[in-house]
Amino acid sequence: MNNKEFTSELAKRLGCTIKETSDQMTSFLSELTQNLQEGNSLTIQGFGTFEVRKKSERISINPTTRQRMLVPPKLVLTYRPSVLLKDKIK
């Protein structure tokens, strides 16, 4: 299912126009992105938790040349599904 199909289906279920639904989704994703950029985690009940975590620096080895490289620390986005969602998928 692509974004257009998802928006269309959601609009039908909510009884809104596709434009209104698209605007609401854009607003939601914008707010989600802004909170994650600020370093906050976001929990959606029944769906899961989005969180920004810091990966520490590590040493990586190039398999071809066997050269060791230092990979700097970085921030990564993680998602942990809720127990409810895991049960529904099983």
PDB file of N, CA and C in Angstrom:
ATOM      1  N   MET A   1       0.856  -1.173   0.000  1.00  0.00           N
ATOM      2  CA  MET A   1       0.000   0.000   0.000  1.00  0.00           C
ATOM      3  C   MET A   1       0.900   1.233   0.000  1.00  0.00           C
ATOM      4  N   ASN A   2       0.676   2.120  -0.947  1.00  0.00           N
ATOM      5  CA  ASN A   2       1.476   3.340  -0.992  1.00  0.00           C
ATOM      6  C   ASN A   2       0.757   4.479  -0.248  1.00  0.00           C
ATOM      7  N   ASN A   3       1.399   5.633  -0.196  1.00  0.00           N
ATOM      8  CA  ASN A   3       0.882   6.768   0.573  1.00  0.00           C
ATOM      9  C   ASN A   3      -0.492   7.230   0.063  1.00  0.00           C
ATOM     10  N   LYS A   4      -0.652   7.263  -1.255  1.00  0.00           N
ATOM     11  CA  LYS A   4      -1.916   7.722  -1.841  1.00  0.00           C
ATOM     12  C   LYS A   4      -3.060   6.777  -1.476  1.00  0.00           C
ATOM     13  N   GLU A   5      -2.817   5.468  -1.558  1.00  0.00           N
ATOM     14  CA  GLU A   5      -3.838   4.483  -1.215  1.00  0.00           C
ATOM     15  C   GLU A   5      -4.178   4.549   0.278  1.00  0.00           C
ATOM     16  N   PHE A   6      -3.136   4.731   1.109  1.00  0.00           N
ATOM     17  CA  PHE A   6      -3.354   4.812   2.546  1.00  0.00           C
ATOM     18  C   PHE A   6      -4.192   6.038   2.895  1.00  0.00           C
ATOM     19  N   THR A   7      -3.859   7.182   2.321  1.00  0.00           N
ATOM     20  CA  THR A   7      -4.605   8.417   2.567  1.00  0.00           C
ATOM     21  C   THR A   7      -6.048   8.278   2.115  1.00  0.00           C
ATOM     22  N   SER A   8      -6.262   7.668   0.978  1.00  0.00           N
ATOM     23  CA  SER A   8      -7.604   7.467   0.445  1.00  0.00           C
ATOM     24  C   SER A   8      -8.435   6.578   1.376  1.00  0.00           C
ATOM     25  N   GLU A   9      -7.861   5.475   1.825  1.00  0.00           N
ATOM     26  CA  GLU A   9      -8.559   4.552   2.730  1.00  0.00           C
ATOM     27  C   GLU A   9      -8.864   5.216   4.071  1.00  0.00           C
ATOM     28  N   LEU A  10      -7.905   5.959   4.593  1.00  0.00           N
ATOM     29  CA  LEU A  10      -8.101   6.650   5.866  1.00  0.00           C
ATOM     30  C   LEU A  10      -9.198   7.717   5.747  1.00  0.00           C
ATOM     31  N   ALA A  11      -9.240   8.416   4.622  1.00  0.00           N
ATOM     32  CA  ALA A  11     -10.272   9.431   4.390  1.00  0.00           C
ATOM     33  C   ALA A  11     -11.661   8.799   4.379  1.00  0.00           C
ATOM     34  N   LYS A  12     -11.782   7.633   3.762  1.00  0.00           N
ATOM     35  CA  LYS A  12     -13.069   6.927   3.741  1.00  0.00           C
ATOM     36  C   LYS A  12     -13.512   6.555   5.152  1.00  0.00           C
ATOM     37  N   ARG A  13     -12.582   6.022   5.938  1.00  0.00           N
ATOM     38  CA  ARG A  13     -12.919   5.580   7.292  1.00  0.00           C
ATOM     39  C   ARG A  13     -13.266   6.749   8.215  1.00  0.00           C
ATOM     40  N   LEU A  14     -12.596   7.892   8.019  1.00  0.00           N
ATOM     41  CA  LEU A  14     -12.849   9.056   8.874  1.00  0.00           C
ATOM     42  C   LEU A  14     -14.021   9.904   8.379  1.00  0.00           C
ATOM     43  N   GLY A  15     -14.427   9.711   7.135  1.00  0.00           N
ATOM     44  CA  GLY A  15     -15.508  10.506   6.567  1.00  0.00           C
ATOM     45  C   GLY A  15     -15.054  11.915   6.226  1.00  0.00           C
ATOM     46  N   CYS A  16     -13.776  12.070   5.908  1.00  0.00           N
ATOM     47  CA  CYS A  16     -13.213  13.376   5.531  1.00  0.00           C
ATOM     48  C   CYS A  16     -12.806  13.323   4.063  1.00  0.00           C
ATOM     49  N   THR A  17     -12.454  14.482   3.538  1.00  0.00           N
ATOM     50  CA  THR A  17     -11.948  14.520   2.169  1.00  0.00           C
ATOM     51  C   THR A  17     -10.494  14.058   2.176  1.00  0.00           C
ATOM     52  N   ILE A  18     -10.018  13.685   1.005  1.00  0.00           N
ATOM     53  CA  ILE A  18      -8.632  13.243   0.884  1.00  0.00           C
ATOM     54  C   ILE A  18      -7.680  14.393   1.206  1.00  0.00           C
ATOM     55  N   LYS A  19      -8.042  15.608   0.809  1.00  0.00           N
ATOM     56  CA  LYS A  19      -7.206  16.785   1.086  1.00  0.00           C
ATOM     57  C   LYS A  19      -7.086  17.025   2.583  1.00  0.00           C
ATOM     58  N   GLU A  20      -8.200  16.967   3.317  1.00  0.00           N
ATOM     59  CA  GLU A  20      -8.174  17.160   4.774  1.00  0.00           C
ATOM     60  C   GLU A  20      -7.329  16.085   5.444  1.00  0.00           C
ATOM     61  N   THR A  21      -7.517  14.852   5.018  1.00  0.00           N
ATOM     62  CA  THR A  21      -6.770  13.734   5.597  1.00  0.00           C
ATOM     63  C   THR A  21      -5.277  13.877   5.311  1.00  0.00           C
ATOM     64  N   SER A  22      -4.941  14.275   4.102  1.00  0.00           N
ATOM     65  CA  SER A  22      -3.546  14.479   3.733  1.00  0.00           C
ATOM     66  C   SER A  22      -2.915  15.587   4.574  1.00  0.00           C
ATOM     67  N   ASP A  23      -3.659  16.683   4.785  1.00  0.00           N
ATOM     68  CA  ASP A  23      -3.168  17.789   5.608  1.00  0.00           C
ATOM     69  C   ASP A  23      -2.960  17.344   7.055  1.00  0.00           C
ATOM     70  N   GLN A  24      -3.870  16.537   7.579  1.00  0.00           N
ATOM     71  CA  GLN A  24      -3.740  16.041   8.950  1.00  0.00           C
ATOM     72  C   GLN A  24      -2.531  15.118   9.087  1.00  0.00           C
ATOM     73  N   MET A  25      -2.328  14.267   8.101  1.00  0.00           N
ATOM     74  CA  MET A  25      -1.170  13.370   8.138  1.00  0.00           C
ATOM     75  C   MET A  25       0.132  14.162   8.057  1.00  0.00           C
ATOM     76  N   THR A  26       0.170  15.166   7.204  1.00  0.00           N
ATOM     77  CA  THR A  26       1.357  16.011   7.074  1.00  0.00           C
ATOM     78  C   THR A  26       1.642  16.726   8.390  1.00  0.00           C
ATOM     79  N   SER A  27       0.606  17.230   9.021  1.00  0.00           N
ATOM     80  CA  SER A  27       0.747  17.910  10.308  1.00  0.00           C
ATOM     81  C   SER A  27       1.256  16.951  11.382  1.00  0.00           C
ATOM     82  N   PHE A  28       0.696  15.740  11.424  1.00  0.00           N
ATOM     83  CA  PHE A  28       1.121  14.739  12.400  1.00  0.00           C
ATOM     84  C   PHE A  28       2.591  14.380  12.212  1.00  0.00           C
ATOM     85  N   LEU A  29       2.981  14.113  10.966  1.00  0.00           N
ATOM     86  CA  LEU A  29       4.363  13.729  10.695  1.00  0.00           C
ATOM     87  C   LEU A  29       5.342  14.867  10.968  1.00  0.00           C
ATOM     88  N   SER A  30       4.901  16.086  10.720  1.00  0.00           N
ATOM     89  CA  SER A  30       5.729  17.251  11.011  1.00  0.00           C
ATOM     90  C   SER A  30       5.971  17.380  12.518  1.00  0.00           C
ATOM     91  N   GLU A  31       4.922  17.204  13.295  1.00  0.00           N
ATOM     92  CA  GLU A  31       5.029  17.273  14.758  1.00  0.00           C
ATOM     93  C   GLU A  31       5.898  16.128  15.289  1.00  0.00           C
ATOM     94  N   LEU A  32       5.722  14.943  14.748  1.00  0.00           N
ATOM     95  CA  LEU A  32       6.522  13.783  15.137  1.00  0.00           C
ATOM     96  C   LEU A  32       7.999  14.052  14.859  1.00  0.00           C
ATOM     97  N   THR A  33       8.305  14.545  13.676  1.00  0.00           N
ATOM     98  CA  THR A  33       9.678  14.851  13.288  1.00  0.00           C
ATOM     99  C   THR A  33      10.288  15.910  14.186  1.00  0.00           C
ATOM    100  N   GLN A  34       9.530  16.955  14.479  1.00  0.00           N
ATOM    101  CA  GLN A  34      10.029  18.037  15.323  1.00  0.00           C
ATOM    102  C   GLN A  34      10.367  17.523  16.726  1.00  0.00           C
ATOM    103  N   ASN A  35       9.502  16.696  17.298  1.00  0.00           N
ATOM    104  CA  ASN A  35       9.764  16.144  18.629  1.00  0.00           C
ATOM    105  C   ASN A  35      10.992  15.243  18.632  1.00  0.00           C
ATOM    106  N   LEU A  36      11.155  14.439  17.599  1.00  0.00           N
ATOM    107  CA  LEU A  36      12.315  13.560  17.529  1.00  0.00           C
ATOM    108  C   LEU A  36      13.602  14.359  17.341  1.00  0.00           C
ATOM    109  N   GLN A  37      13.544  15.450  16.587  1.00  0.00           N
ATOM    110  CA  GLN A  37      14.718  16.306  16.408  1.00  0.00           C
ATOM    111  C   GLN A  37      15.137  16.954  17.722  1.00  0.00           C
ATOM    112  N   GLU A  38      14.165  17.214  18.589  1.00  0.00           N
ATOM    113  CA  GLU A  38      14.460  17.807  19.895  1.00  0.00           C
ATOM    114  C   GLU A  38      14.977  16.765  20.883  1.00  0.00           C
ATOM    115  N   GLY A  39      14.982  15.499  20.489  1.00  0.00           N
ATOM    116  CA  GLY A  39      15.494  14.442  21.350  1.00  0.00           C
ATOM    117  C   GLY A  39      14.443  13.785  22.224  1.00  0.00           C
ATOM    118  N   ASN A  40      13.177  14.115  22.020  1.00  0.00           N
ATOM    119  CA  ASN A  40      12.092  13.512  22.795  1.00  0.00           C
ATOM    120  C   ASN A  40      11.685  12.175  22.181  1.00  0.00           C
ATOM    121  N   SER A  41      11.203  11.281  23.020  1.00  0.00           N
ATOM    122  CA  SER A  41      10.644  10.037  22.494  1.00  0.00           C
ATOM    123  C   SER A  41       9.132  10.225  22.384  1.00  0.00           C
ATOM    124  N   LEU A  42       8.503   9.441  21.521  1.00  0.00           N
ATOM    125  CA  LEU A  42       7.072   9.567  21.298  1.00  0.00           C
ATOM    126  C   LEU A  42       6.443   8.189  21.363  1.00  0.00           C
ATOM    127  N   THR A  43       5.459   8.036  22.261  1.00  0.00           N
ATOM    128  CA  THR A  43       4.757   6.773  22.411  1.00  0.00           C
ATOM    129  C   THR A  43       3.328   6.941  21.916  1.00  0.00           C
ATOM    130  N   ILE A  44       2.928   6.059  21.000  1.00  0.00           N
ATOM    131  CA  ILE A  44       1.561   6.040  20.495  1.00  0.00           C
ATOM    132  C   ILE A  44       0.924   4.774  21.053  1.00  0.00           C
ATOM    133  N   GLN A  45      -0.049   4.968  21.914  1.00  0.00           N
ATOM    134  CA  GLN A  45      -0.674   3.845  22.597  1.00  0.00           C
ATOM    135  C   GLN A  45      -1.247   2.856  21.590  1.00  0.00           C
ATOM    136  N   GLY A  46      -0.917   1.587  21.767  1.00  0.00           N
ATOM    137  CA  GLY A  46      -1.407   0.546  20.882  1.00  0.00           C
ATOM    138  C   GLY A  46      -0.597   0.391  19.607  1.00  0.00           C
ATOM    139  N   PHE A  47       0.390   1.257  19.383  1.00  0.00           N
ATOM    140  CA  PHE A  47       1.203   1.185  18.167  1.00  0.00           C
ATOM    141  C   PHE A  47       2.676   0.963  18.478  1.00  0.00           C
ATOM    142  N   GLY A  48       3.270   1.839  19.310  1.00  0.00           N
ATOM    143  CA  GLY A  48       4.671   1.655  19.657  1.00  0.00           C
ATOM    144  C   GLY A  48       5.346   2.946  20.066  1.00  0.00           C
ATOM    145  N   THR A  49       6.669   2.875  20.202  1.00  0.00           N
ATOM    146  CA  THR A  49       7.463   4.000  20.671  1.00  0.00           C
ATOM    147  C   THR A  49       8.562   4.325  19.662  1.00  0.00           C
ATOM    148  N   PHE A  50       8.664   5.610  19.316  1.00  0.00           N
ATOM    149  CA  PHE A  50       9.741   6.122  18.478  1.00  0.00           C
ATOM    150  C   PHE A  50      10.713   6.838  19.403  1.00  0.00           C
ATOM    151  N   GLU A  51      12.011   6.599  19.184  1.00  0.00           N
ATOM    152  CA  GLU A  51      13.000   7.174  20.082  1.00  0.00           C
ATOM    153  C   GLU A  51      14.306   7.418  19.326  1.00  0.00           C
ATOM    154  N   VAL A  52      15.005   8.494  19.684  1.00  0.00           N
ATOM    155  CA  VAL A  52      16.315   8.778  19.114  1.00  0.00           C
ATOM    156  C   VAL A  52      17.356   8.301  20.124  1.00  0.00           C
ATOM    157  N   ARG A  53      18.263   7.449  19.653  1.00  0.00           N
ATOM    158  CA  ARG A  53      19.321   6.924  20.533  1.00  0.00           C
ATOM    159  C   ARG A  53      20.679   7.265  19.951  1.00  0.00           C
ATOM    160  N   LYS A  54      21.654   7.347  20.841  1.00  0.00           N
ATOM    161  CA  LYS A  54      23.018   7.641  20.418  1.00  0.00           C
ATOM    162  C   LYS A  54      23.797   6.335  20.334  1.00  0.00           C
ATOM    163  N   LYS A  55      24.360   6.061  19.153  1.00  0.00           N
ATOM    164  CA  LYS A  55      25.244   4.907  18.984  1.00  0.00           C
ATOM    165  C   LYS A  55      26.660   5.376  19.276  1.00  0.00           C
ATOM    166  N   SER A  56      27.374   4.646  20.091  1.00  0.00           N
ATOM    167  CA  SER A  56      28.730   5.049  20.441  1.00  0.00           C
ATOM    168  C   SER A  56      29.691   4.744  19.299  1.00  0.00           C
ATOM    169  N   GLU A  57      30.867   5.358  19.383  1.00  0.00           N
ATOM    170  CA  GLU A  57      31.849   5.117  18.331  1.00  0.00           C
ATOM    171  C   GLU A  57      32.349   3.679  18.409  1.00  0.00           C
ATOM    172  N   ARG A  58      32.804   3.183  17.266  1.00  0.00           N
ATOM    173  CA  ARG A  58      33.261   1.798  17.214  1.00  0.00           C
ATOM    174  C   ARG A  58      34.335   1.667  16.153  1.00  0.00           C
ATOM    175  N   ILE A  59      35.018   0.548  16.195  1.00  0.00           N
ATOM    176  CA  ILE A  59      36.050   0.271  15.203  1.00  0.00           C
ATOM    177  C   ILE A  59      35.468  -0.700  14.183  1.00  0.00           C
ATOM    178  N   SER A  60      35.618  -0.352  12.914  1.00  0.00           N
ATOM    179  CA  SER A  60      35.133  -1.188  11.816  1.00  0.00           C
ATOM    180  C   SER A  60      36.328  -1.640  10.989  1.00  0.00           C
ATOM    181  N   ILE A  61      36.243  -2.836  10.447  1.00  0.00           N
ATOM    182  CA  ILE A  61      37.337  -3.368   9.634  1.00  0.00           C
ATOM    183  C   ILE A  61      36.836  -3.604   8.218  1.00  0.00           C
ATOM    184  N   ASN A  62      37.532  -3.033   7.251  1.00  0.00           N
ATOM    185  CA  ASN A  62      37.216  -3.240   5.849  1.00  0.00           C
ATOM    186  C   ASN A  62      37.586  -4.680   5.494  1.00  0.00           C
ATOM    187  N   PRO A  63      36.619  -5.512   5.048  1.00  0.00           N
ATOM    188  CA  PRO A  63      36.922  -6.917   4.789  1.00  0.00           C
ATOM    189  C   PRO A  63      37.914  -7.153   3.646  1.00  0.00           C
ATOM    190  N   THR A  64      37.985  -6.245   2.711  1.00  0.00           N
ATOM    191  CA  THR A  64      38.879  -6.413   1.570  1.00  0.00           C
ATOM    192  C   THR A  64      40.321  -6.071   1.924  1.00  0.00           C
ATOM    193  N   THR A  65      40.517  -4.898   2.520  1.00  0.00           N
ATOM    194  CA  THR A  65      41.870  -4.418   2.806  1.00  0.00           C
ATOM    195  C   THR A  65      42.323  -4.715   4.230  1.00  0.00           C
ATOM    196  N   ARG A  66      41.406  -5.143   5.071  1.00  0.00           N
ATOM    197  CA  ARG A  66      41.690  -5.394   6.492  1.00  0.00           C
ATOM    198  C   ARG A  66      42.128  -4.127   7.232  1.00  0.00           C
ATOM    199  N   GLN A  67      41.788  -2.987   6.659  1.00  0.00           N
ATOM    200  CA  GLN A  67      42.127  -1.711   7.288  1.00  0.00           C
ATOM    201  C   GLN A  67      41.109  -1.390   8.360  1.00  0.00           C
ATOM    202  N   ARG A  68      41.587  -0.954   9.518  1.00  0.00           N
ATOM    203  CA  ARG A  68      40.709  -0.594  10.621  1.00  0.00           C
ATOM    204  C   ARG A  68      40.339   0.886  10.505  1.00  0.00           C
ATOM    205  N   MET A  69      39.055   1.181  10.761  1.00  0.00           N
ATOM    206  CA  MET A  69      38.568   2.556  10.700  1.00  0.00           C
ATOM    207  C   MET A  69      37.748   2.844  11.947  1.00  0.00           C
ATOM    208  N   LEU A  70      37.827   4.074  12.406  1.00  0.00           N
ATOM    209  CA  LEU A  70      37.030   4.495  13.548  1.00  0.00           C
ATOM    210  C   LEU A  70      35.730   5.110  13.020  1.00  0.00           C
ATOM    211  N   VAL A  71      34.607   4.519  13.392  1.00  0.00           N
ATOM    212  CA  VAL A  71      33.298   5.032  12.983  1.00  0.00           C
ATOM    213  C   VAL A  71      32.833   5.967  14.099  1.00  0.00           C
ATOM    214  N   PRO A  72      32.571   7.244  13.787  1.00  0.00           N
ATOM    215  CA  PRO A  72      32.196   8.198  14.832  1.00  0.00           C
ATOM    216  C   PRO A  72      30.812   7.911  15.416  1.00  0.00           C
ATOM    217  N   PRO A  73      30.527   8.457  16.604  1.00  0.00           N
ATOM    218  CA  PRO A  73      29.193   8.264  17.188  1.00  0.00           C
ATOM    219  C   PRO A  73      28.137   8.958  16.335  1.00  0.00           C
ATOM    220  N   LYS A  74      26.913   8.438  16.386  1.00  0.00           N
ATOM    221  CA  LYS A  74      25.834   9.054  15.617  1.00  0.00           C
ATOM    222  C   LYS A  74      24.496   8.794  16.302  1.00  0.00           C
ATOM    223  N   LEU A  75      23.503   9.576  15.903  1.00  0.00           N
ATOM    224  CA  LEU A  75      22.142   9.414  16.410  1.00  0.00           C
ATOM    225  C   LEU A  75      21.354   8.562  15.424  1.00  0.00           C
ATOM    226  N   VAL A  76      20.567   7.615  15.963  1.00  0.00           N
ATOM    227  CA  VAL A  76      19.739   6.753  15.110  1.00  0.00           C
ATOM    228  C   VAL A  76      18.309   6.740  15.637  1.00  0.00           C
ATOM    229  N   LEU A  77      17.365   6.590  14.737  1.00  0.00           N
ATOM    230  CA  LEU A  77      15.960   6.506  15.101  1.00  0.00           C
ATOM    231  C   LEU A  77      15.607   5.050  15.340  1.00  0.00           C
ATOM    232  N   THR A  78      14.963   4.759  16.464  1.00  0.00           N
ATOM    233  CA  THR A  78      14.537   3.395  16.759  1.00  0.00           C
ATOM    234  C   THR A  78      13.027   3.367  16.942  1.00  0.00           C
ATOM    235  N   TYR A  79      12.451   2.221  16.652  1.00  0.00           N
ATOM    236  CA  TYR A  79      11.015   2.011  16.833  1.00  0.00           C
ATOM    237  C   TYR A  79      10.838   0.690  17.556  1.00  0.00           C
ATOM    238  N   ARG A  80      10.040   0.718  18.611  1.00  0.00           N
ATOM    239  CA  ARG A  80       9.727  -0.492  19.365  1.00  0.00           C
ATOM    240  C   ARG A  80       8.215  -0.668  19.353  1.00  0.00           C
ATOM    241  N   PRO A  81       7.703  -1.712  18.686  1.00  0.00           N
ATOM    242  CA  PRO A  81       6.255  -1.901  18.612  1.00  0.00           C
ATOM    243  C   PRO A  81       5.669  -2.250  19.980  1.00  0.00           C
ATOM    244  N   SER A  82       4.402  -1.884  20.173  1.00  0.00           N
ATOM    245  CA  SER A  82       3.730  -2.186  21.436  1.00  0.00           C
ATOM    246  C   SER A  82       3.360  -3.667  21.480  1.00  0.00           C
ATOM    247  N   VAL A  83       3.087  -4.155  22.668  1.00  0.00           N
ATOM    248  CA  VAL A  83       2.689  -5.546  22.854  1.00  0.00           C
ATOM    249  C   VAL A  83       1.382  -5.815  22.115  1.00  0.00           C
ATOM    250  N   LEU A  84       0.457  -4.855  22.144  1.00  0.00           N
ATOM    251  CA  LEU A  84      -0.817  -5.000  21.440  1.00  0.00           C
ATOM    252  C   LEU A  84      -0.606  -5.211  19.944  1.00  0.00           C
ATOM    253  N   LEU A  85       0.264  -4.416  19.352  1.00  0.00           N
ATOM    254  CA  LEU A  85       0.529  -4.530  17.920  1.00  0.00           C
ATOM    255  C   LEU A  85       1.198  -5.862  17.602  1.00  0.00           C
ATOM    256  N   LYS A  86       2.128  -6.284  18.432  1.00  0.00           N
ATOM    257  CA  LYS A  86       2.793  -7.573  18.223  1.00  0.00           C
ATOM    258  C   LYS A  86       1.781  -8.717  18.263  1.00  0.00           C
ATOM    259  N   ASP A  87       0.845  -8.647  19.200  1.00  0.00           N
ATOM    260  CA  ASP A  87      -0.172  -9.695  19.305  1.00  0.00           C
ATOM    261  C   ASP A  87      -1.094  -9.720  18.089  1.00  0.00           C
ATOM    262  N   LYS A  88      -1.445  -8.546  17.547  1.00  0.00           N
ATOM    263  CA  LYS A  88      -2.331  -8.479  16.394  1.00  0.00           C
ATOM    264  C   LYS A  88      -1.657  -9.043  15.138  1.00  0.00           C
ATOM    265  N   ILE A  89      -0.346  -8.869  15.043  1.00  0.00           N
ATOM    266  CA  ILE A  89       0.384  -9.342  13.872  1.00  0.00           C
ATOM    267  C   ILE A  89       0.550 -10.851  13.912  1.00  0.00           C
ATOM    268  N   LYS A  90       0.695 -11.403  15.099  1.00  0.00           N
ATOM    269  CA  LYS A  90       0.879 -12.863  15.223  1.00  0.00           C
ATOM    270  C   LYS A  90      -0.362 -13.534  14.832  1.00  0.00           C
TER     271      LYS A  90
END
